[in-house]
N, C-alpha and C. Protein backbone atom coordinates (compact mmCIF):
# COMPACT_ATOMS: atom_id res chain seq x y z
N UNK A 1 -106.11 60.59 -150.04
CA UNK A 1 -107.38 60.12 -150.55
C UNK A 1 -107.31 60.15 -152.02
N UNK A 2 -107.87 59.11 -152.78
CA UNK A 2 -107.62 58.87 -154.17
C UNK A 2 -109.12 58.40 -154.64
N UNK A 3 -109.46 58.94 -155.76
CA UNK A 3 -110.71 58.47 -156.38
C UNK A 3 -110.49 57.72 -157.61
N UNK A 4 -111.21 56.74 -157.77
CA UNK A 4 -111.37 55.77 -158.95
C UNK A 4 -112.74 55.78 -159.44
N UNK A 5 -113.02 56.64 -160.41
CA UNK A 5 -114.60 56.71 -160.72
C UNK A 5 -115.39 57.08 -159.49
N UNK A 6 -116.39 56.31 -159.06
CA UNK A 6 -117.06 56.52 -157.88
C UNK A 6 -116.58 55.91 -156.63
N UNK A 7 -115.42 55.38 -156.58
CA UNK A 7 -114.84 54.60 -155.49
C UNK A 7 -113.74 55.67 -154.88
N UNK A 8 -113.73 55.90 -153.47
CA UNK A 8 -112.84 56.79 -152.93
C UNK A 8 -112.13 55.83 -151.96
N UNK A 9 -110.75 55.84 -152.14
CA UNK A 9 -109.89 55.12 -151.32
C UNK A 9 -108.94 55.99 -150.44
N UNK A 10 -108.96 55.55 -149.16
CA UNK A 10 -108.21 56.54 -148.20
C UNK A 10 -107.36 55.63 -147.32
N UNK A 11 -106.11 56.22 -147.08
CA UNK A 11 -105.23 55.56 -146.01
C UNK A 11 -105.54 56.09 -144.80
N UNK A 12 -105.96 55.31 -143.74
CA UNK A 12 -106.42 55.88 -142.45
C UNK A 12 -105.29 55.49 -141.40
N UNK A 13 -104.42 54.55 -141.66
CA UNK A 13 -103.48 54.20 -140.69
C UNK A 13 -102.28 53.60 -141.39
N UNK A 14 -101.04 54.00 -140.86
CA UNK A 14 -99.81 53.47 -141.40
C UNK A 14 -98.83 53.16 -140.33
N UNK A 15 -98.38 51.90 -140.25
CA UNK A 15 -97.30 51.53 -139.40
C UNK A 15 -96.01 51.22 -139.91
N UNK A 16 -94.88 51.76 -139.67
CA UNK A 16 -93.70 51.64 -140.42
C UNK A 16 -92.64 50.67 -139.62
N UNK A 17 -92.31 49.72 -140.22
CA UNK A 17 -91.29 48.82 -139.47
C UNK A 17 -90.02 48.83 -140.19
N UNK A 18 -89.02 48.06 -139.90
CA UNK A 18 -87.72 48.12 -140.52
C UNK A 18 -87.70 47.77 -142.03
N UNK A 19 -88.55 46.72 -142.28
CA UNK A 19 -88.56 46.21 -143.66
C UNK A 19 -89.76 46.17 -144.32
N UNK A 20 -90.83 46.55 -143.62
CA UNK A 20 -92.13 46.59 -144.42
C UNK A 20 -92.97 47.66 -143.78
N UNK A 21 -94.13 48.00 -144.28
CA UNK A 21 -95.18 48.93 -143.91
C UNK A 21 -96.50 48.31 -143.87
N UNK A 22 -97.27 48.45 -142.84
CA UNK A 22 -98.69 48.04 -142.84
C UNK A 22 -99.61 49.17 -142.84
N UNK A 23 -100.57 49.08 -143.85
CA UNK A 23 -101.45 50.30 -144.02
C UNK A 23 -102.83 49.78 -143.83
N UNK A 24 -103.56 50.62 -143.44
CA UNK A 24 -105.05 50.31 -143.25
C UNK A 24 -105.82 51.20 -144.28
N UNK A 25 -106.38 50.62 -145.17
CA UNK A 25 -107.08 51.39 -146.37
C UNK A 25 -108.61 51.25 -146.32
N UNK A 26 -109.23 52.18 -146.53
CA UNK A 26 -110.81 52.23 -146.69
C UNK A 26 -111.22 52.63 -147.87
N UNK A 27 -111.96 51.70 -148.65
CA UNK A 27 -112.63 52.02 -149.86
C UNK A 27 -114.14 52.29 -149.59
N UNK A 28 -114.53 53.28 -150.24
CA UNK A 28 -116.01 53.84 -150.21
C UNK A 28 -116.54 53.94 -151.47
N UNK A 29 -117.77 53.21 -151.59
CA UNK A 29 -118.58 53.46 -152.78
C UNK A 29 -120.01 53.69 -152.62
N UNK A 30 -120.42 54.90 -152.67
CA UNK A 30 -121.85 55.30 -152.28
C UNK A 30 -122.20 54.87 -150.91
N UNK A 31 -121.36 55.06 -149.96
CA UNK A 31 -121.65 54.78 -148.64
C UNK A 31 -121.31 53.39 -148.12
N UNK A 32 -120.91 52.40 -149.16
CA UNK A 32 -120.61 51.13 -148.65
C UNK A 32 -119.01 51.10 -148.59
N UNK A 33 -118.61 50.65 -147.29
CA UNK A 33 -117.17 50.79 -146.97
C UNK A 33 -116.61 49.32 -146.95
N UNK A 34 -115.37 49.24 -147.38
CA UNK A 34 -114.61 48.06 -147.32
C UNK A 34 -113.13 48.32 -146.81
N UNK A 35 -112.80 47.71 -145.75
CA UNK A 35 -111.42 47.89 -145.11
C UNK A 35 -110.61 46.92 -145.61
N UNK A 36 -109.31 47.34 -145.97
CA UNK A 36 -108.40 46.38 -146.46
C UNK A 36 -107.02 46.81 -145.73
N UNK A 37 -106.32 45.63 -145.37
CA UNK A 37 -105.02 45.86 -144.76
C UNK A 37 -103.96 45.51 -145.66
N UNK A 38 -103.14 46.36 -145.89
CA UNK A 38 -102.03 46.22 -147.01
C UNK A 38 -100.73 45.98 -146.39
N UNK A 39 -99.91 44.92 -146.59
CA UNK A 39 -98.69 44.68 -146.09
C UNK A 39 -97.68 44.78 -147.38
N UNK A 40 -96.74 45.86 -147.10
CA UNK A 40 -95.93 46.30 -148.32
C UNK A 40 -94.48 46.00 -147.77
N UNK A 41 -93.77 45.04 -148.33
CA UNK A 41 -92.49 44.64 -147.98
C UNK A 41 -91.54 45.53 -148.83
N UNK A 42 -90.67 46.21 -148.29
CA UNK A 42 -89.78 47.21 -148.97
C UNK A 42 -88.43 46.48 -149.01
N UNK A 43 -87.62 46.82 -149.99
CA UNK A 43 -86.13 46.40 -150.14
C UNK A 43 -86.05 45.09 -150.65
N UNK A 44 -87.04 44.53 -151.39
CA UNK A 44 -86.82 43.24 -152.15
C UNK A 44 -86.75 43.52 -153.59
N UNK A 45 -85.58 43.51 -154.31
CA UNK A 45 -85.42 43.83 -155.56
C UNK A 45 -85.95 42.95 -156.54
N UNK A 46 -86.43 43.26 -157.86
CA UNK A 46 -87.00 42.57 -158.85
C UNK A 46 -86.03 41.41 -159.26
N UNK A 47 -86.40 40.20 -159.33
CA UNK A 47 -85.45 39.05 -159.44
C UNK A 47 -84.48 38.68 -158.45
N UNK A 48 -84.50 39.43 -157.41
CA UNK A 48 -83.52 39.17 -156.18
C UNK A 48 -84.20 38.65 -155.07
N UNK A 49 -83.54 38.83 -153.79
CA UNK A 49 -84.12 38.41 -152.69
C UNK A 49 -83.70 39.34 -151.57
N UNK A 50 -84.52 39.36 -150.44
CA UNK A 50 -84.21 40.29 -149.42
C UNK A 50 -82.77 40.00 -148.74
N UNK A 51 -82.35 40.86 -148.01
CA UNK A 51 -80.89 40.64 -147.41
C UNK A 51 -80.84 39.55 -146.54
N UNK A 52 -81.85 39.07 -145.73
CA UNK A 52 -81.58 38.03 -144.72
C UNK A 52 -82.94 37.27 -144.67
N UNK A 53 -82.90 35.96 -144.35
CA UNK A 53 -84.14 35.22 -144.23
C UNK A 53 -84.96 35.84 -143.01
N UNK A 54 -84.34 36.28 -142.08
CA UNK A 54 -85.14 36.77 -140.91
C UNK A 54 -86.03 37.86 -141.27
N UNK A 55 -85.81 38.50 -142.16
CA UNK A 55 -86.59 39.77 -142.67
C UNK A 55 -87.78 39.13 -143.14
N UNK A 56 -87.85 38.23 -144.06
CA UNK A 56 -89.02 37.59 -144.77
C UNK A 56 -89.86 36.72 -143.79
N UNK A 57 -89.10 36.12 -142.93
CA UNK A 57 -89.82 35.19 -141.92
C UNK A 57 -90.71 36.11 -140.91
N UNK A 58 -90.21 37.15 -140.62
CA UNK A 58 -91.00 38.22 -139.67
C UNK A 58 -92.15 38.70 -140.48
N UNK A 59 -91.92 39.04 -141.71
CA UNK A 59 -92.98 39.62 -142.68
C UNK A 59 -94.08 38.52 -142.68
N UNK A 60 -93.77 37.33 -143.01
CA UNK A 60 -94.69 36.23 -143.32
C UNK A 60 -95.59 35.92 -141.99
N UNK A 61 -94.93 35.96 -140.82
CA UNK A 61 -95.46 35.70 -139.63
C UNK A 61 -96.36 36.76 -139.24
N UNK A 62 -95.97 38.20 -139.67
CA UNK A 62 -97.02 39.36 -139.41
C UNK A 62 -98.32 39.12 -140.12
N UNK A 63 -98.10 38.84 -141.40
CA UNK A 63 -99.37 38.62 -142.28
C UNK A 63 -100.13 37.39 -141.78
N UNK A 64 -99.45 36.39 -141.42
CA UNK A 64 -100.37 35.15 -140.87
C UNK A 64 -101.06 35.60 -139.61
N UNK A 65 -100.39 36.18 -138.67
CA UNK A 65 -100.94 36.61 -137.52
C UNK A 65 -102.20 37.47 -137.79
N UNK A 66 -102.18 38.52 -138.45
CA UNK A 66 -103.23 39.29 -138.63
C UNK A 66 -104.47 38.73 -139.37
N UNK A 67 -104.05 37.81 -140.35
CA UNK A 67 -105.03 37.12 -141.10
C UNK A 67 -105.76 36.09 -140.10
N UNK A 68 -105.07 35.43 -139.25
CA UNK A 68 -105.71 34.63 -138.22
C UNK A 68 -106.57 35.38 -137.42
N UNK A 69 -106.07 36.52 -136.86
CA UNK A 69 -106.88 37.46 -135.89
C UNK A 69 -108.24 37.81 -136.62
N UNK A 70 -108.09 38.28 -137.90
CA UNK A 70 -109.25 38.74 -138.74
C UNK A 70 -110.34 37.48 -138.82
N UNK A 71 -109.77 36.20 -139.18
CA UNK A 71 -110.62 35.13 -139.54
C UNK A 71 -111.45 34.85 -138.21
N UNK A 72 -110.74 34.89 -136.95
CA UNK A 72 -111.19 34.54 -135.77
C UNK A 72 -112.31 35.66 -135.44
N UNK A 73 -112.12 36.81 -135.64
CA UNK A 73 -113.12 37.99 -135.39
C UNK A 73 -114.34 37.66 -136.39
N UNK A 74 -114.21 37.23 -137.56
CA UNK A 74 -115.31 37.07 -138.41
C UNK A 74 -116.11 35.95 -137.94
N UNK A 75 -115.41 34.79 -137.51
CA UNK A 75 -116.08 33.56 -136.87
C UNK A 75 -117.01 33.93 -135.72
N UNK A 76 -116.47 34.85 -134.88
CA UNK A 76 -117.16 35.31 -133.60
C UNK A 76 -118.44 36.18 -134.07
N UNK A 77 -118.34 36.97 -135.03
CA UNK A 77 -119.40 37.78 -135.48
C UNK A 77 -120.51 36.96 -136.09
N UNK A 78 -120.00 36.17 -137.07
CA UNK A 78 -120.93 35.22 -137.82
C UNK A 78 -120.46 33.69 -137.62
N UNK A 79 -120.67 33.04 -136.58
CA UNK A 79 -120.34 31.71 -136.21
C UNK A 79 -120.49 30.67 -137.21
N UNK A 80 -121.62 30.74 -137.93
CA UNK A 80 -121.94 29.75 -139.02
C UNK A 80 -121.47 30.17 -140.47
N UNK A 81 -120.92 31.19 -140.52
CA UNK A 81 -120.58 31.49 -141.94
C UNK A 81 -119.08 31.16 -142.25
N UNK A 82 -118.74 31.16 -143.54
CA UNK A 82 -117.39 30.91 -143.92
C UNK A 82 -116.56 32.17 -143.73
N UNK A 83 -115.35 32.08 -142.90
CA UNK A 83 -114.46 33.09 -142.70
C UNK A 83 -114.23 33.95 -144.19
N UNK A 84 -114.28 35.30 -144.18
CA UNK A 84 -114.16 35.89 -145.61
C UNK A 84 -112.64 36.55 -145.73
N UNK A 85 -111.78 36.09 -144.77
CA UNK A 85 -110.36 36.62 -144.97
C UNK A 85 -109.95 36.09 -146.27
N UNK A 86 -109.31 37.09 -147.12
CA UNK A 86 -108.82 36.84 -148.42
C UNK A 86 -107.49 37.61 -148.48
N UNK A 87 -106.49 36.76 -148.99
CA UNK A 87 -105.09 37.46 -149.18
C UNK A 87 -104.80 37.37 -150.65
N UNK A 88 -104.44 38.71 -151.18
CA UNK A 88 -104.05 38.90 -152.44
C UNK A 88 -102.56 39.24 -152.41
N UNK A 89 -101.91 38.44 -153.20
CA UNK A 89 -100.28 38.59 -153.14
C UNK A 89 -99.80 39.14 -154.58
N UNK A 90 -99.08 40.10 -154.64
CA UNK A 90 -98.49 40.58 -156.03
C UNK A 90 -97.20 41.29 -155.83
N UNK A 91 -96.50 41.39 -156.96
CA UNK A 91 -95.38 42.18 -157.09
C UNK A 91 -95.54 42.81 -158.67
N UNK A 92 -94.35 42.89 -159.30
CA UNK A 92 -94.34 43.63 -160.44
C UNK A 92 -95.13 42.69 -161.64
N UNK A 93 -94.62 41.53 -161.74
CA UNK A 93 -94.97 40.61 -162.66
C UNK A 93 -95.92 39.49 -162.12
N UNK A 94 -96.04 39.41 -160.79
CA UNK A 94 -96.74 38.51 -160.12
C UNK A 94 -96.35 37.13 -160.17
N UNK A 95 -94.94 36.78 -160.24
CA UNK A 95 -94.64 35.43 -160.41
C UNK A 95 -93.49 35.18 -159.37
N UNK A 96 -92.27 36.07 -159.52
CA UNK A 96 -91.06 35.78 -158.80
C UNK A 96 -91.19 36.00 -157.26
N UNK A 97 -91.25 37.30 -156.84
CA UNK A 97 -91.45 37.53 -155.48
C UNK A 97 -92.85 36.99 -154.83
N UNK A 98 -93.86 37.11 -155.83
CA UNK A 98 -95.11 36.65 -155.27
C UNK A 98 -95.11 35.05 -155.06
N UNK A 99 -94.39 34.30 -156.03
CA UNK A 99 -94.25 32.90 -155.65
C UNK A 99 -93.39 32.50 -154.50
N UNK A 100 -92.42 33.38 -154.39
CA UNK A 100 -91.59 33.06 -153.15
C UNK A 100 -92.31 33.26 -151.92
N UNK A 101 -93.11 34.42 -151.75
CA UNK A 101 -93.92 34.67 -150.58
C UNK A 101 -94.98 33.57 -150.44
N UNK A 102 -95.70 33.15 -151.41
CA UNK A 102 -96.65 32.15 -151.38
C UNK A 102 -96.14 30.79 -150.79
N UNK A 103 -95.05 30.47 -151.51
CA UNK A 103 -94.31 29.20 -151.07
C UNK A 103 -93.92 29.27 -149.54
N UNK A 104 -93.37 30.31 -149.22
CA UNK A 104 -92.98 30.51 -147.78
C UNK A 104 -94.20 30.32 -146.74
N UNK A 105 -95.18 31.17 -147.31
CA UNK A 105 -96.50 31.04 -146.34
C UNK A 105 -97.11 29.71 -146.29
N UNK A 106 -96.93 28.96 -147.33
CA UNK A 106 -97.68 27.53 -147.28
C UNK A 106 -96.65 26.68 -146.37
N UNK A 107 -95.48 26.74 -146.66
CA UNK A 107 -94.42 25.96 -145.85
C UNK A 107 -94.41 26.20 -144.36
N UNK A 108 -94.57 27.56 -144.07
CA UNK A 108 -94.62 27.87 -142.60
C UNK A 108 -95.79 27.57 -141.96
N UNK A 109 -97.07 27.60 -142.79
CA UNK A 109 -98.33 27.21 -142.35
C UNK A 109 -98.35 25.80 -141.93
N UNK A 110 -97.68 24.98 -142.89
CA UNK A 110 -97.60 23.49 -142.54
C UNK A 110 -96.66 23.21 -141.26
N UNK A 111 -95.62 23.83 -141.16
CA UNK A 111 -94.81 23.71 -139.98
C UNK A 111 -95.59 24.01 -138.64
N UNK A 112 -96.33 25.24 -138.61
CA UNK A 112 -96.93 25.68 -137.53
C UNK A 112 -98.05 24.68 -136.93
N UNK A 113 -98.68 23.86 -137.91
CA UNK A 113 -99.64 22.96 -137.60
C UNK A 113 -99.19 21.45 -137.30
N UNK A 114 -98.09 21.10 -137.84
CA UNK A 114 -97.46 19.70 -137.72
C UNK A 114 -95.89 19.94 -137.73
N UNK A 115 -95.33 19.94 -136.74
CA UNK A 115 -93.89 20.28 -136.55
C UNK A 115 -93.04 19.17 -137.19
N UNK A 116 -93.39 17.91 -137.20
CA UNK A 116 -92.64 16.79 -137.69
C UNK A 116 -92.98 16.50 -139.31
N UNK A 117 -93.74 17.39 -139.83
CA UNK A 117 -94.17 17.12 -141.21
C UNK A 117 -93.12 17.30 -142.24
N UNK A 118 -93.23 16.64 -143.43
CA UNK A 118 -92.12 16.55 -144.38
C UNK A 118 -92.11 17.98 -145.19
N UNK A 119 -91.16 18.50 -145.22
CA UNK A 119 -90.95 19.86 -146.01
C UNK A 119 -90.43 19.61 -147.39
N UNK A 120 -91.29 19.72 -148.36
CA UNK A 120 -90.80 19.51 -149.76
C UNK A 120 -91.00 20.73 -150.51
N UNK A 121 -89.88 21.59 -150.75
CA UNK A 121 -89.89 22.83 -151.33
C UNK A 121 -90.18 22.71 -152.86
N UNK A 122 -89.59 21.68 -153.37
CA UNK A 122 -89.80 21.37 -154.81
C UNK A 122 -91.20 21.03 -155.13
N UNK A 123 -91.87 20.29 -154.42
CA UNK A 123 -93.28 19.98 -154.60
C UNK A 123 -94.05 21.10 -154.47
N UNK A 124 -93.94 22.19 -153.50
CA UNK A 124 -94.72 23.16 -153.38
C UNK A 124 -94.50 24.19 -154.51
N UNK A 125 -93.39 24.34 -154.96
CA UNK A 125 -93.07 25.35 -156.06
C UNK A 125 -93.71 24.73 -157.35
N UNK A 126 -93.54 23.36 -157.48
CA UNK A 126 -94.10 22.63 -158.66
C UNK A 126 -95.69 22.84 -158.66
N UNK A 127 -96.31 22.71 -157.67
CA UNK A 127 -97.68 22.75 -157.61
C UNK A 127 -98.16 24.35 -158.00
N UNK A 128 -97.40 25.26 -157.43
CA UNK A 128 -97.52 26.79 -157.72
C UNK A 128 -97.44 26.95 -159.30
N UNK A 129 -96.52 26.32 -159.84
CA UNK A 129 -96.25 26.52 -161.36
C UNK A 129 -97.19 25.79 -162.21
N UNK A 130 -97.98 24.85 -161.69
CA UNK A 130 -99.14 24.27 -162.32
C UNK A 130 -100.28 25.36 -162.47
N UNK A 131 -100.33 26.25 -161.30
CA UNK A 131 -101.48 27.16 -161.45
C UNK A 131 -100.93 28.47 -162.11
N UNK A 132 -99.70 28.83 -162.02
CA UNK A 132 -99.33 29.98 -162.79
C UNK A 132 -97.72 29.84 -163.15
N UNK A 133 -97.56 30.00 -164.42
CA UNK A 133 -96.06 29.75 -164.81
C UNK A 133 -94.99 30.55 -164.14
N UNK A 134 -93.87 30.14 -164.05
CA UNK A 134 -92.71 30.89 -163.59
C UNK A 134 -92.83 31.38 -162.15
N UNK A 135 -93.79 30.83 -161.36
CA UNK A 135 -93.77 31.19 -159.94
C UNK A 135 -92.43 30.72 -159.35
N UNK A 136 -91.86 31.65 -158.40
CA UNK A 136 -90.44 31.52 -158.01
C UNK A 136 -89.60 31.60 -159.29
N UNK A 137 -89.13 32.75 -159.65
CA UNK A 137 -88.61 33.01 -161.07
C UNK A 137 -87.29 32.62 -161.17
N UNK A 138 -86.50 32.75 -160.16
CA UNK A 138 -84.89 32.66 -160.26
C UNK A 138 -84.44 31.50 -159.23
N UNK A 139 -83.14 31.05 -159.61
CA UNK A 139 -82.62 30.10 -158.73
C UNK A 139 -82.33 30.78 -157.41
N UNK A 140 -82.04 31.91 -157.25
CA UNK A 140 -81.63 32.68 -156.09
C UNK A 140 -82.82 32.85 -155.20
N UNK A 141 -84.11 32.99 -155.76
CA UNK A 141 -85.28 32.96 -154.98
C UNK A 141 -85.70 31.62 -154.47
N UNK A 142 -85.44 30.70 -155.25
CA UNK A 142 -85.57 29.25 -154.93
C UNK A 142 -84.69 28.70 -153.78
N UNK A 143 -83.44 29.10 -153.75
CA UNK A 143 -82.48 28.97 -152.64
C UNK A 143 -82.93 29.66 -151.40
N UNK A 144 -83.47 30.93 -151.63
CA UNK A 144 -83.81 31.78 -150.39
C UNK A 144 -84.95 31.02 -149.60
N UNK A 145 -85.87 30.30 -150.41
CA UNK A 145 -86.95 29.63 -149.57
C UNK A 145 -86.26 28.82 -148.60
N UNK A 146 -85.16 27.95 -149.09
CA UNK A 146 -84.51 27.06 -148.18
C UNK A 146 -83.82 27.71 -147.00
N UNK A 147 -83.25 28.88 -147.32
CA UNK A 147 -82.51 29.73 -146.18
C UNK A 147 -83.68 30.07 -145.26
N UNK A 148 -84.81 30.38 -145.62
CA UNK A 148 -85.90 30.87 -144.78
C UNK A 148 -86.51 29.79 -143.91
N UNK A 149 -86.61 28.53 -144.59
CA UNK A 149 -86.98 27.37 -143.98
C UNK A 149 -86.02 27.02 -142.79
N UNK A 150 -84.74 27.09 -143.28
CA UNK A 150 -83.68 26.78 -142.29
C UNK A 150 -83.78 27.59 -141.11
N UNK A 151 -84.08 28.82 -141.23
CA UNK A 151 -84.11 29.80 -140.16
C UNK A 151 -85.37 29.34 -139.25
N UNK A 152 -86.50 29.02 -139.69
CA UNK A 152 -87.69 28.83 -139.10
C UNK A 152 -87.46 27.43 -138.22
N UNK A 153 -86.88 26.42 -138.88
CA UNK A 153 -86.64 25.11 -138.20
C UNK A 153 -85.68 25.38 -137.11
N UNK A 154 -84.54 26.16 -137.20
CA UNK A 154 -83.70 26.38 -136.17
C UNK A 154 -84.12 27.28 -135.06
N UNK A 155 -85.24 28.10 -135.31
CA UNK A 155 -85.72 28.95 -134.30
C UNK A 155 -87.37 28.73 -134.10
N UNK A 156 -87.64 27.41 -133.75
CA UNK A 156 -89.14 27.11 -133.73
C UNK A 156 -89.95 27.95 -132.65
N UNK A 157 -89.24 28.49 -131.79
CA UNK A 157 -90.08 29.38 -130.72
C UNK A 157 -90.05 30.80 -130.88
N UNK A 158 -89.34 31.31 -131.97
CA UNK A 158 -89.25 32.65 -132.28
C UNK A 158 -90.42 33.27 -132.51
N UNK A 159 -90.80 34.51 -131.62
CA UNK A 159 -92.03 35.30 -131.97
C UNK A 159 -91.56 36.46 -132.92
N UNK A 160 -92.54 37.11 -133.25
CA UNK A 160 -92.21 38.26 -134.24
C UNK A 160 -91.29 39.26 -133.52
N UNK A 161 -91.40 39.32 -132.30
CA UNK A 161 -90.63 40.38 -131.47
C UNK A 161 -89.05 39.92 -131.43
N UNK A 162 -88.96 38.43 -131.24
CA UNK A 162 -87.63 37.93 -131.35
C UNK A 162 -87.06 37.90 -132.45
N UNK A 163 -87.66 37.67 -133.66
CA UNK A 163 -87.18 37.78 -135.02
C UNK A 163 -86.74 39.21 -135.28
N UNK A 164 -87.47 39.99 -134.93
CA UNK A 164 -87.21 41.59 -135.17
C UNK A 164 -85.79 41.99 -134.63
N UNK A 165 -85.38 41.19 -133.64
CA UNK A 165 -83.92 41.57 -132.93
C UNK A 165 -82.80 41.11 -134.11
N UNK A 166 -83.18 40.33 -135.01
CA UNK A 166 -82.12 39.88 -135.99
C UNK A 166 -82.31 40.77 -137.30
N UNK A 167 -82.98 41.69 -137.30
CA UNK A 167 -83.24 42.36 -138.58
C UNK A 167 -82.05 42.89 -139.25
N UNK A 168 -80.98 43.29 -138.45
CA UNK A 168 -79.86 43.93 -138.93
C UNK A 168 -78.56 43.03 -138.76
N UNK A 169 -78.81 41.68 -138.58
CA UNK A 169 -77.79 40.77 -138.72
C UNK A 169 -77.41 40.37 -139.93
N UNK A 170 -76.25 40.07 -140.14
CA UNK A 170 -75.69 39.59 -141.56
C UNK A 170 -76.45 38.25 -141.91
N UNK A 171 -76.64 38.29 -143.20
CA UNK A 171 -77.48 37.02 -143.76
C UNK A 171 -76.65 35.79 -143.62
N UNK A 172 -77.32 34.75 -143.45
CA UNK A 172 -76.45 33.33 -143.44
C UNK A 172 -75.92 33.13 -144.85
N UNK A 173 -74.98 32.30 -144.80
CA UNK A 173 -74.28 32.01 -146.05
C UNK A 173 -75.26 31.42 -147.01
N UNK A 174 -75.21 31.96 -148.30
CA UNK A 174 -76.11 31.26 -149.35
C UNK A 174 -75.55 29.79 -149.50
N UNK A 175 -76.37 28.92 -150.06
CA UNK A 175 -76.10 27.58 -150.30
C UNK A 175 -75.22 27.58 -151.67
N UNK A 176 -74.29 26.65 -151.66
CA UNK A 176 -73.35 26.54 -152.83
C UNK A 176 -74.33 26.33 -154.16
N UNK A 177 -73.98 27.11 -155.20
CA UNK A 177 -74.74 27.16 -156.42
C UNK A 177 -74.45 25.62 -156.99
N UNK A 178 -73.68 24.95 -156.53
CA UNK A 178 -73.28 23.46 -157.16
C UNK A 178 -74.01 22.53 -156.25
N UNK A 179 -74.70 22.83 -155.37
CA UNK A 179 -75.32 21.88 -154.51
C UNK A 179 -76.66 21.33 -155.05
N UNK A 180 -77.33 20.65 -154.17
CA UNK A 180 -78.54 19.90 -154.56
C UNK A 180 -79.55 20.87 -155.09
N UNK A 181 -79.57 22.06 -154.45
CA UNK A 181 -80.60 22.92 -155.00
C UNK A 181 -80.53 23.36 -156.47
N UNK A 182 -79.32 23.47 -157.01
CA UNK A 182 -79.18 23.77 -158.39
C UNK A 182 -79.76 22.58 -159.20
N UNK A 183 -79.57 21.35 -158.83
CA UNK A 183 -80.09 20.18 -159.57
C UNK A 183 -81.58 20.22 -159.31
N UNK A 184 -82.20 20.68 -158.14
CA UNK A 184 -83.66 20.77 -158.06
C UNK A 184 -84.11 21.67 -158.97
N UNK A 185 -83.40 22.87 -159.19
CA UNK A 185 -83.94 23.98 -159.89
C UNK A 185 -84.05 23.38 -161.26
N UNK A 186 -82.94 22.74 -161.91
CA UNK A 186 -82.95 22.28 -163.18
C UNK A 186 -84.14 21.29 -163.35
N UNK A 187 -84.37 20.35 -162.29
CA UNK A 187 -85.41 19.41 -162.46
C UNK A 187 -86.75 20.10 -162.46
N UNK A 188 -86.90 21.26 -161.71
CA UNK A 188 -88.25 22.07 -161.80
C UNK A 188 -88.51 22.44 -163.06
N UNK A 189 -87.47 23.04 -163.70
CA UNK A 189 -87.56 23.47 -165.08
C UNK A 189 -88.04 22.43 -166.04
N UNK A 190 -87.51 21.28 -165.86
CA UNK A 190 -87.85 20.11 -166.75
C UNK A 190 -89.29 19.67 -166.49
N UNK A 191 -89.74 19.66 -165.21
CA UNK A 191 -91.18 19.11 -164.85
C UNK A 191 -92.23 20.20 -165.26
N UNK A 192 -91.86 21.37 -165.02
CA UNK A 192 -92.93 22.44 -165.34
C UNK A 192 -92.31 23.63 -166.22
N UNK A 193 -92.15 23.31 -167.51
CA UNK A 193 -91.77 24.43 -168.52
C UNK A 193 -92.91 25.31 -168.74
N UNK A 194 -92.69 26.54 -169.18
CA UNK A 194 -93.73 27.54 -169.40
C UNK A 194 -94.69 26.96 -170.21
N UNK A 195 -95.99 26.97 -169.93
CA UNK A 195 -96.96 26.66 -170.90
C UNK A 195 -97.06 27.31 -172.10
N UNK A 196 -97.42 26.62 -173.23
CA UNK A 196 -97.73 27.23 -174.56
C UNK A 196 -99.04 27.97 -174.50
N UNK A 197 -99.23 29.24 -174.79
CA UNK A 197 -100.48 29.80 -174.80
C UNK A 197 -101.43 29.15 -175.89
N UNK A 198 -102.61 29.02 -175.46
CA UNK A 198 -103.58 28.51 -176.38
C UNK A 198 -104.76 29.56 -176.71
N UNK A 199 -105.26 29.21 -177.81
CA UNK A 199 -106.34 30.13 -178.25
C UNK A 199 -107.68 29.48 -177.94
N UNK A 200 -108.72 30.26 -177.70
CA UNK A 200 -109.89 29.68 -177.38
C UNK A 200 -110.88 29.80 -178.50
């Protein structure tokens, strides 16, 4: 239990998995309670990537599953209201690992709804960078998105439990740094340079 002025935050449940932790937090302010589910991915180094694509695919699927369940529950309770499920994604700087997760979440969401849709990693990352500079911070993170999408496309029917079986498998070979992805990364840097701060 931790206090922030008149707000009390308590962890009431914790589930530990191989590569991430799910916590149920309750924030209380003068009797008004708010429940928050925190997904904490462990073993993702700053500026780097997780050991294998399976780990991140499982994590994204877990977040999407819980978000969908929560949204469905809200719709049943208040059928005419807008679902209030909100997802906040952050890391140390809020750009590299955060951008990688958001890109994967968006791409996996598209695939889950339309299997034959066109997957355009460059376009997704470019759109993210229009909203926040340096989203997907390194070439390694950019290539990792491709590795994860390759895994998703090669394992279309994998459930969270099936993916979990691969947690300790060796990572697939990284794409050659001289391949098309490097050219795309250079193109991305040219298309969306870091914006110059402006004063109001």
